Amino acid sequence: MPLVNTTEMFKKAYEGGYAIGAFNVNNMEIVQGITSACEELKAPVILQVSAGARKYANRTYLMKLVEAAVIECPDIPIALHLDHGPSFELCKSCIDDGFTSVMFDGSSKPYEENVEEASRVVEYAHKYGVTVEAELGRLAGVEDDVKVSDDKAQYTDPDEVQDFVTRTGVDSLAIAIGTSHGAYKFKPGQKPKLRLDILQEVSDRLPGFPIVLHGASSVVPEFVKMINDNGGQMPDAIGIPEEMLREAAKMAVCKINVDSDLRLAMTASVRKYLAENPSHFDPRQYLGPARDAIKAMVEHKINVVLGCAGKA
C-alpha cells in the first residue's frame, strides 16, 4: 500500500468515534517502533516530521526511512505529514518531496494573513492530492521550533472557525482547547482541563469536519520517574490526562499528536540501560530497548487513548 493522505482516515475516524495517532519521527528506531506497533494492532498511522526533524535527520534520510516502513508494513495505511510548517515554501518543499499531508501553521499571524497563506498552501497541495491542516488559536509550551509563552496562548474562537475553513478550504483544523506543547504543560498544583465545550461548539458549526489536537502527550509519570531515578532532572513534568483525550477522540477529534511521550519513553529506556550496564558502549545495545519502549508507548496510546486498533 503506497502512502495515503488523511481524507479517508479522518472520515472513518469521525464516523467511528476514534482518532488516528500522529507520531513525530526523528530517526530509524522511532520509525520502526511506531510502525511495528501499528502493524501488529492493525491501526492506521500518521508519521509526522517537524521542521526541526528535517534539519536534524536530513530530508532525504527521513523520506527513505518512511518508504522502508511502507514496504515493511504493507497492510496498514500510512500518511506522511509535515508538522507545524511555518511557511508556504516549506509546505511546498515537503509536497514536492512526496509528503501526503502538510500542516501550515499561521496561528501566530494576524487572522487575515493566516487565511491568505493557508489558502495558498491549499491551492498548491490539492493539485497533488495532498491534504492540508491549519491552526486557529495558540498552544502554550515548547516543542522543536514552536515556542509560545503562557501569556501569548489563546483558546480557539469558535466564531472564526467556520469562516476560516470556508475561505481556506483546509481539510482539517488544529484548535486550542487546553493542550500544550512539551513535557511541562501545567504548573505544579494546576489541574489539567480540556475545554470540551469549545470542541463541541466547533463541531456543531462544522459537522463532520475533522479536528486535530496538538500538545496532547500525557507525560506518563512512570517514565518521568525512570528518567529522574537514573540521573535526569525533570521535576514538575505534567501532561494531559488520557481519559480527557479519549473523550475528545469520541467527539470531533480525528488526529491526536504525540511527541513528548515518545521522547520520554526513549530517553527513560536509554538512561536506565546505561545506568544498569555502565560498561556497554555499542549503540545497538541501548537503542534496541529504546525502540521497544517506543513500540510499547504507541501500543498503549492506540489501545487507551486513540481507540483505532483494528481500523486499518
Protein backbone atom coordinates (compact mmCIF):
# COMPACT_ATOMS: atom_id res chain seq x y z
CA MET A 1 0.00 0.00 0.00
CA PRO A 2 1.53 3.37 -1.00
CA LEU A 3 1.50 6.41 1.27
CA VAL A 4 -2.01 7.83 1.63
CA ASN A 5 -3.39 11.24 2.53
CA THR A 6 -5.65 11.71 5.55
CA THR A 7 -9.03 12.07 3.82
CA GLU A 8 -10.29 8.51 4.18
CA MET A 9 -8.55 8.05 7.54
CA PHE A 10 -10.40 11.01 9.05
CA LYS A 11 -13.76 10.14 7.50
CA LYS A 12 -13.65 6.69 9.11
CA ALA A 13 -12.34 8.08 12.42
CA TYR A 14 -15.08 10.71 12.65
CA GLU A 15 -17.81 8.19 11.93
CA GLY A 16 -16.26 5.56 14.23
CA GLY A 17 -15.61 7.78 17.26
CA TYR A 18 -11.86 7.24 17.39
CA ALA A 19 -8.71 9.18 16.48
CA ILE A 20 -5.58 8.49 14.44
CA GLY A 21 -2.23 8.78 16.17
CA ALA A 22 0.16 11.30 14.62
CA PHE A 23 3.60 10.37 15.92
CA ASN A 24 6.68 12.53 15.38
CA VAL A 25 9.67 10.77 13.83
CA ASN A 26 13.34 11.73 14.00
CA ASN A 27 15.36 8.56 13.39
CA MET A 28 15.20 4.90 12.36
CA GLU A 29 14.38 3.43 15.76
CA ILE A 30 11.42 5.76 16.25
CA VAL A 31 10.01 4.95 12.81
CA GLN A 32 10.45 1.22 13.44
CA GLY A 33 8.90 1.31 16.90
CA ILE A 34 5.83 3.25 15.75
CA THR A 35 5.10 1.26 12.62
CA SER A 36 5.77 -2.11 14.26
CA ALA A 37 3.13 -1.34 16.90
CA CYS A 38 0.62 -0.16 14.30
CA GLU A 39 1.22 -3.17 12.06
CA GLU A 40 0.61 -5.58 14.94
CA LEU A 41 -2.55 -3.78 16.08
CA LYS A 42 -3.79 -3.12 12.53
CA ALA A 43 -4.01 0.60 13.23
CA PRO A 44 -3.74 3.39 10.62
CA VAL A 45 -0.98 5.86 11.42
CA ILE A 46 0.35 9.31 10.58
CA LEU A 47 4.12 9.69 10.67
CA GLN A 48 4.86 13.37 11.08
CA VAL A 49 8.03 15.33 10.56
CA SER A 50 8.73 18.74 12.03
CA ALA A 51 10.99 21.38 10.52
CA GLY A 52 13.43 20.55 13.32
CA ALA A 53 13.43 16.85 12.44
CA ARG A 54 14.07 17.69 8.82
CA LYS A 55 17.12 19.73 9.81
CA TYR A 56 18.35 17.03 12.20
CA ALA A 57 17.93 13.88 10.13
CA ASN A 58 18.09 15.30 6.59
CA ARG A 59 15.02 15.32 4.37
CA THR A 60 16.29 12.50 2.13
CA TYR A 61 17.06 10.14 5.00
CA LEU A 62 13.63 10.70 6.55
CA MET A 63 11.84 10.04 3.26
CA LYS A 64 13.76 6.80 2.75
CA LEU A 65 13.01 5.67 6.31
CA VAL A 66 9.31 6.23 5.74
CA GLU A 67 9.46 4.50 2.35
CA ALA A 68 11.07 1.50 4.07
CA ALA A 69 8.27 1.47 6.66
CA VAL A 70 5.66 1.39 3.90
CA ILE A 71 7.37 -1.66 2.39
CA GLU A 72 7.69 -3.42 5.75
CA CYS A 73 4.09 -2.64 6.81
CA PRO A 74 2.02 -3.20 3.67
CA ASP A 75 -1.27 -3.88 5.47
CA ILE A 76 -1.81 -0.53 7.19
CA PRO A 77 -2.49 2.97 5.83
CA ILE A 78 0.44 5.32 6.49
CA ALA A 79 0.34 9.07 5.87
CA LEU A 80 3.44 11.26 5.89
CA HIS A 81 2.68 14.67 7.37
CA LEU A 82 4.57 17.93 7.88
CA ASP A 83 4.07 19.15 11.45
CA HIS A 84 3.97 22.92 12.04
CA GLY A 85 5.05 24.17 8.63
CA PRO A 86 5.63 27.90 9.17
CA SER A 87 5.68 28.92 5.51
CA PHE A 88 4.32 28.18 2.06
CA GLU A 89 7.86 27.44 0.91
CA LEU A 90 8.40 24.65 3.46
CA CYS A 91 4.97 23.14 2.77
CA LYS A 92 5.70 23.20 -0.98
CA SER A 93 9.10 21.58 -0.46
CA CYS A 94 7.55 18.73 1.53
CA ILE A 95 4.80 18.22 -1.05
CA ASP A 96 7.42 18.09 -3.78
CA ASP A 97 9.37 15.52 -1.74
CA GLY A 98 6.36 13.20 -1.55
CA PHE A 99 4.58 14.11 1.69
CA THR A 100 0.88 13.24 1.53
CA SER A 101 -0.26 15.77 4.15
CA VAL A 102 1.07 19.11 5.39
CA MET A 103 0.25 21.50 8.19
CA PHE A 104 0.51 25.20 7.59
CA ASP A 105 0.83 26.88 10.98
CA GLY A 106 -0.12 30.53 10.68
CA SER A 107 -1.57 30.74 14.19
CA SER A 108 0.95 33.40 15.22
CA LYS A 109 -0.02 35.64 12.31
CA PRO A 110 -2.93 38.11 12.09
CA TYR A 111 -6.15 36.33 11.15
CA GLU A 112 -6.39 37.61 7.58
CA GLU A 113 -2.75 36.75 6.89
CA ASN A 114 -3.34 33.23 8.25
CA VAL A 115 -6.34 32.88 5.89
CA GLU A 116 -4.38 34.15 2.89
CA GLU A 117 -1.32 31.94 3.38
CA ALA A 118 -3.33 28.83 4.31
CA SER A 119 -5.37 29.30 1.13
CA ARG A 120 -2.17 29.46 -0.91
CA VAL A 121 -0.92 26.20 0.61
CA VAL A 122 -4.30 24.53 -0.05
CA GLU A 123 -4.30 25.63 -3.68
CA TYR A 124 -0.89 24.07 -4.29
CA ALA A 125 -1.40 20.93 -2.18
CA HIS A 126 -4.75 19.96 -3.63
CA LYS A 127 -3.25 19.88 -7.14
CA TYR A 128 -1.25 16.85 -5.97
CA GLY A 129 -3.87 15.17 -3.79
CA VAL A 130 -2.18 16.34 -0.58
CA THR A 131 -4.35 17.18 2.43
CA VAL A 132 -3.82 20.36 4.46
CA GLU A 133 -4.14 21.03 8.18
CA ALA A 134 -4.13 24.55 9.62
CA GLU A 135 -4.37 26.01 13.12
CA LEU A 136 -6.55 28.55 14.90
CA GLY A 137 -5.71 29.58 18.46
CA ARG A 138 -2.28 29.21 20.04
CA LEU A 139 -0.98 26.49 22.36
CA ALA A 140 1.46 27.37 25.12
CA GLY A 141 4.68 25.40 25.57
CA VAL A 142 7.89 24.46 23.78
CA GLU A 143 8.43 21.73 21.23
CA ASP A 144 11.10 21.90 18.50
CA ASP A 145 10.73 25.31 16.81
CA VAL A 146 7.36 26.02 18.45
CA LYS A 147 7.73 28.32 21.45
CA VAL A 148 4.69 30.10 22.91
CA SER A 149 4.65 31.70 26.36
CA ASP A 150 1.60 31.32 28.62
CA ASP A 151 0.60 34.94 28.14
CA LYS A 152 0.57 34.50 24.34
CA ALA A 153 -1.55 31.34 24.38
CA GLN A 154 -5.22 31.63 23.49
CA TYR A 155 -8.22 29.36 23.01
CA THR A 156 -9.67 28.96 19.54
CA ASP A 157 -12.59 31.31 18.89
CA PRO A 158 -15.50 29.23 17.51
CA ASP A 159 -16.80 32.34 15.76
CA GLU A 160 -13.76 32.27 13.46
CA VAL A 161 -13.72 28.56 12.68
CA GLN A 162 -16.46 28.33 10.05
CA ASP A 163 -15.24 31.44 8.23
CA PHE A 164 -11.66 30.17 8.22
CA VAL A 165 -12.47 26.69 6.92
CA THR A 166 -14.86 28.02 4.27
CA ARG A 167 -12.42 30.61 2.96
CA THR A 168 -9.26 28.48 3.01
CA GLY A 169 -10.56 25.05 2.01
CA VAL A 170 -8.34 23.28 4.56
CA ASP A 171 -9.05 19.60 5.20
CA SER A 172 -8.59 19.60 8.99
CA LEU A 173 -8.08 22.15 11.74
CA ALA A 174 -5.94 22.14 14.87
CA ILE A 175 -7.68 24.01 17.68
CA ALA A 176 -6.57 25.19 21.12
CA ILE A 177 -8.76 23.83 23.93
CA GLY A 178 -6.23 23.48 26.76
CA THR A 179 -3.48 21.21 25.50
CA SER A 180 0.11 22.45 25.49
CA HIS A 181 3.38 21.57 23.77
CA GLY A 182 6.23 19.84 25.60
CA ALA A 183 6.53 17.97 28.91
CA TYR A 184 5.75 20.92 31.20
CA LYS A 185 2.15 21.63 30.27
CA PHE A 186 0.90 22.84 33.65
CA LYS A 187 2.27 24.49 36.76
CA PRO A 188 2.53 22.32 39.92
CA GLY A 189 -0.88 22.11 41.55
CA GLN A 190 -2.66 23.32 38.41
CA LYS A 191 -5.43 20.95 37.35
CA PRO A 192 -5.36 19.95 33.67
CA LYS A 193 -8.61 20.64 31.86
CA LEU A 194 -9.69 20.42 28.25
CA ARG A 195 -12.36 22.84 27.04
CA LEU A 196 -14.62 20.21 25.54
CA ASP A 197 -17.35 22.86 25.36
CA ILE A 198 -15.28 24.70 22.73
CA LEU A 199 -14.73 21.43 20.88
CA GLN A 200 -18.47 20.77 20.91
CA GLU A 201 -19.29 24.25 19.62
CA VAL A 202 -16.74 23.90 16.82
CA SER A 203 -18.24 20.52 15.95
CA ASP A 204 -21.74 21.99 15.90
CA ARG A 205 -20.64 24.68 13.48
CA LEU A 206 -18.72 22.26 11.24
CA PRO A 207 -20.48 18.89 11.43
CA GLY A 208 -18.35 16.05 10.10
CA PHE A 209 -15.21 18.19 9.89
CA PRO A 210 -12.03 16.62 11.38
CA ILE A 211 -10.41 18.40 14.32
CA VAL A 212 -6.81 17.96 15.48
CA LEU A 213 -5.25 18.18 18.94
CA HIS A 214 -1.61 19.23 19.26
CA GLY A 215 0.34 19.11 22.53
CA ALA A 216 -1.56 16.01 23.61
CA SER A 217 1.14 13.94 25.30
CA SER A 218 0.19 12.66 28.75
CA VAL A 219 3.77 12.85 30.12
CA VAL A 220 3.48 9.37 31.63
CA PRO A 221 4.71 9.61 35.25
CA GLU A 222 6.40 6.19 35.11
CA PHE A 223 8.89 7.46 32.50
CA VAL A 224 9.46 10.80 34.22
CA LYS A 225 10.34 8.84 37.38
CA MET A 226 12.62 6.50 35.45
CA ILE A 227 14.48 9.45 33.98
CA ASN A 228 14.84 11.14 37.36
CA ASP A 229 15.91 7.89 39.05
CA ASN A 230 18.71 7.50 36.52
CA GLY A 231 20.34 10.90 36.63
CA GLY A 232 17.74 13.04 34.89
CA GLN A 233 16.23 16.28 36.15
CA MET A 234 12.59 16.66 35.15
CA PRO A 235 10.72 17.99 38.16
CA ASP A 236 7.08 19.02 37.74
CA ALA A 237 6.60 17.44 34.28
CA ILE A 238 2.81 17.19 33.86
CA GLY A 239 0.67 16.18 30.86
CA ILE A 240 -2.92 15.77 29.67
CA PRO A 241 -4.95 13.01 31.41
CA GLU A 242 -5.59 10.20 28.95
CA GLU A 243 -9.28 9.91 29.80
CA MET A 244 -9.79 13.51 28.63
CA LEU A 245 -8.09 12.74 25.32
CA ARG A 246 -10.20 9.62 24.83
CA GLU A 247 -13.33 11.71 25.37
CA ALA A 248 -12.16 14.19 22.74
CA ALA A 249 -11.48 11.30 20.32
CA LYS A 250 -15.09 10.18 20.69
CA MET A 251 -16.18 13.65 19.55
CA ALA A 252 -14.82 15.54 16.52
CA VAL A 253 -11.10 14.97 17.17
CA CYS A 254 -9.75 12.68 14.44
CA LYS A 255 -5.99 13.24 14.91
CA ILE A 256 -4.06 13.36 18.18
CA ASN A 257 -0.40 14.36 18.10
CA VAL A 258 2.11 12.51 20.26
CA ASP A 259 5.76 13.57 20.50
CA SER A 260 6.87 14.26 24.08
CA ASP A 261 5.66 10.86 25.33
CA LEU A 262 7.82 9.14 22.70
CA ARG A 263 10.83 11.22 23.73
CA LEU A 264 10.26 10.40 27.38
CA ALA A 265 9.89 6.66 26.76
CA MET A 266 13.03 6.56 24.66
CA THR A 267 15.14 8.70 26.99
CA ALA A 268 13.98 6.78 30.09
CA SER A 269 14.91 3.48 28.46
CA VAL A 270 18.37 4.68 27.40
CA ARG A 271 19.15 6.22 30.81
CA LYS A 272 18.05 3.09 32.65
CA TYR A 273 20.01 0.77 30.35
CA LEU A 274 23.25 2.75 30.60
CA ALA A 275 22.92 3.08 34.39
CA GLU A 276 22.49 -0.69 34.70
CA ASN A 277 25.18 -1.52 32.12
CA PRO A 278 27.96 1.04 32.60
CA SER A 279 30.50 -0.94 30.59
CA HIS A 280 28.38 -1.12 27.42
CA PHE A 281 29.10 1.24 24.54
CA ASP A 282 27.51 -0.35 21.48
CA PRO A 283 24.58 1.89 20.43
CA ARG A 284 22.61 -1.16 19.36
CA GLN A 285 22.61 -2.38 22.96
CA TYR A 286 20.67 0.63 24.26
CA LEU A 287 18.81 1.70 21.13
CA GLY A 288 17.20 -1.74 20.83
CA PRO A 289 15.39 -1.39 24.19
CA ALA A 290 14.63 2.25 23.32
CA ARG A 291 12.90 1.09 20.13
CA ASP A 292 10.92 -1.44 22.20
CA ALA A 293 9.88 1.36 24.57
CA ILE A 294 8.61 3.42 21.61
CA LYS A 295 6.62 0.43 20.38
CA ALA A 296 5.08 -0.17 23.81
CA MET A 297 4.16 3.51 24.16
CA VAL A 298 2.44 3.56 20.75
CA GLU A 299 0.54 0.35 21.56
CA HIS A 300 -0.62 1.96 24.81
CA LYS A 301 -1.81 5.11 23.01
CA ILE A 302 -3.69 3.09 20.39
CA ASN A 303 -5.46 0.96 23.00
CA VAL A 304 -6.13 3.52 25.74
CA VAL A 305 -6.38 6.94 24.04
CA LEU A 306 -6.99 6.61 20.32
CA GLY A 307 -9.24 3.56 20.03
CA CYS A 308 -8.03 2.85 16.48
CA ALA A 309 -6.83 -0.76 16.83
CA GLY A 310 -8.21 -2.94 14.07
CA LYS A 311 -9.26 0.09 11.97
CA ALA A 312 -6.64 -0.29 9.22
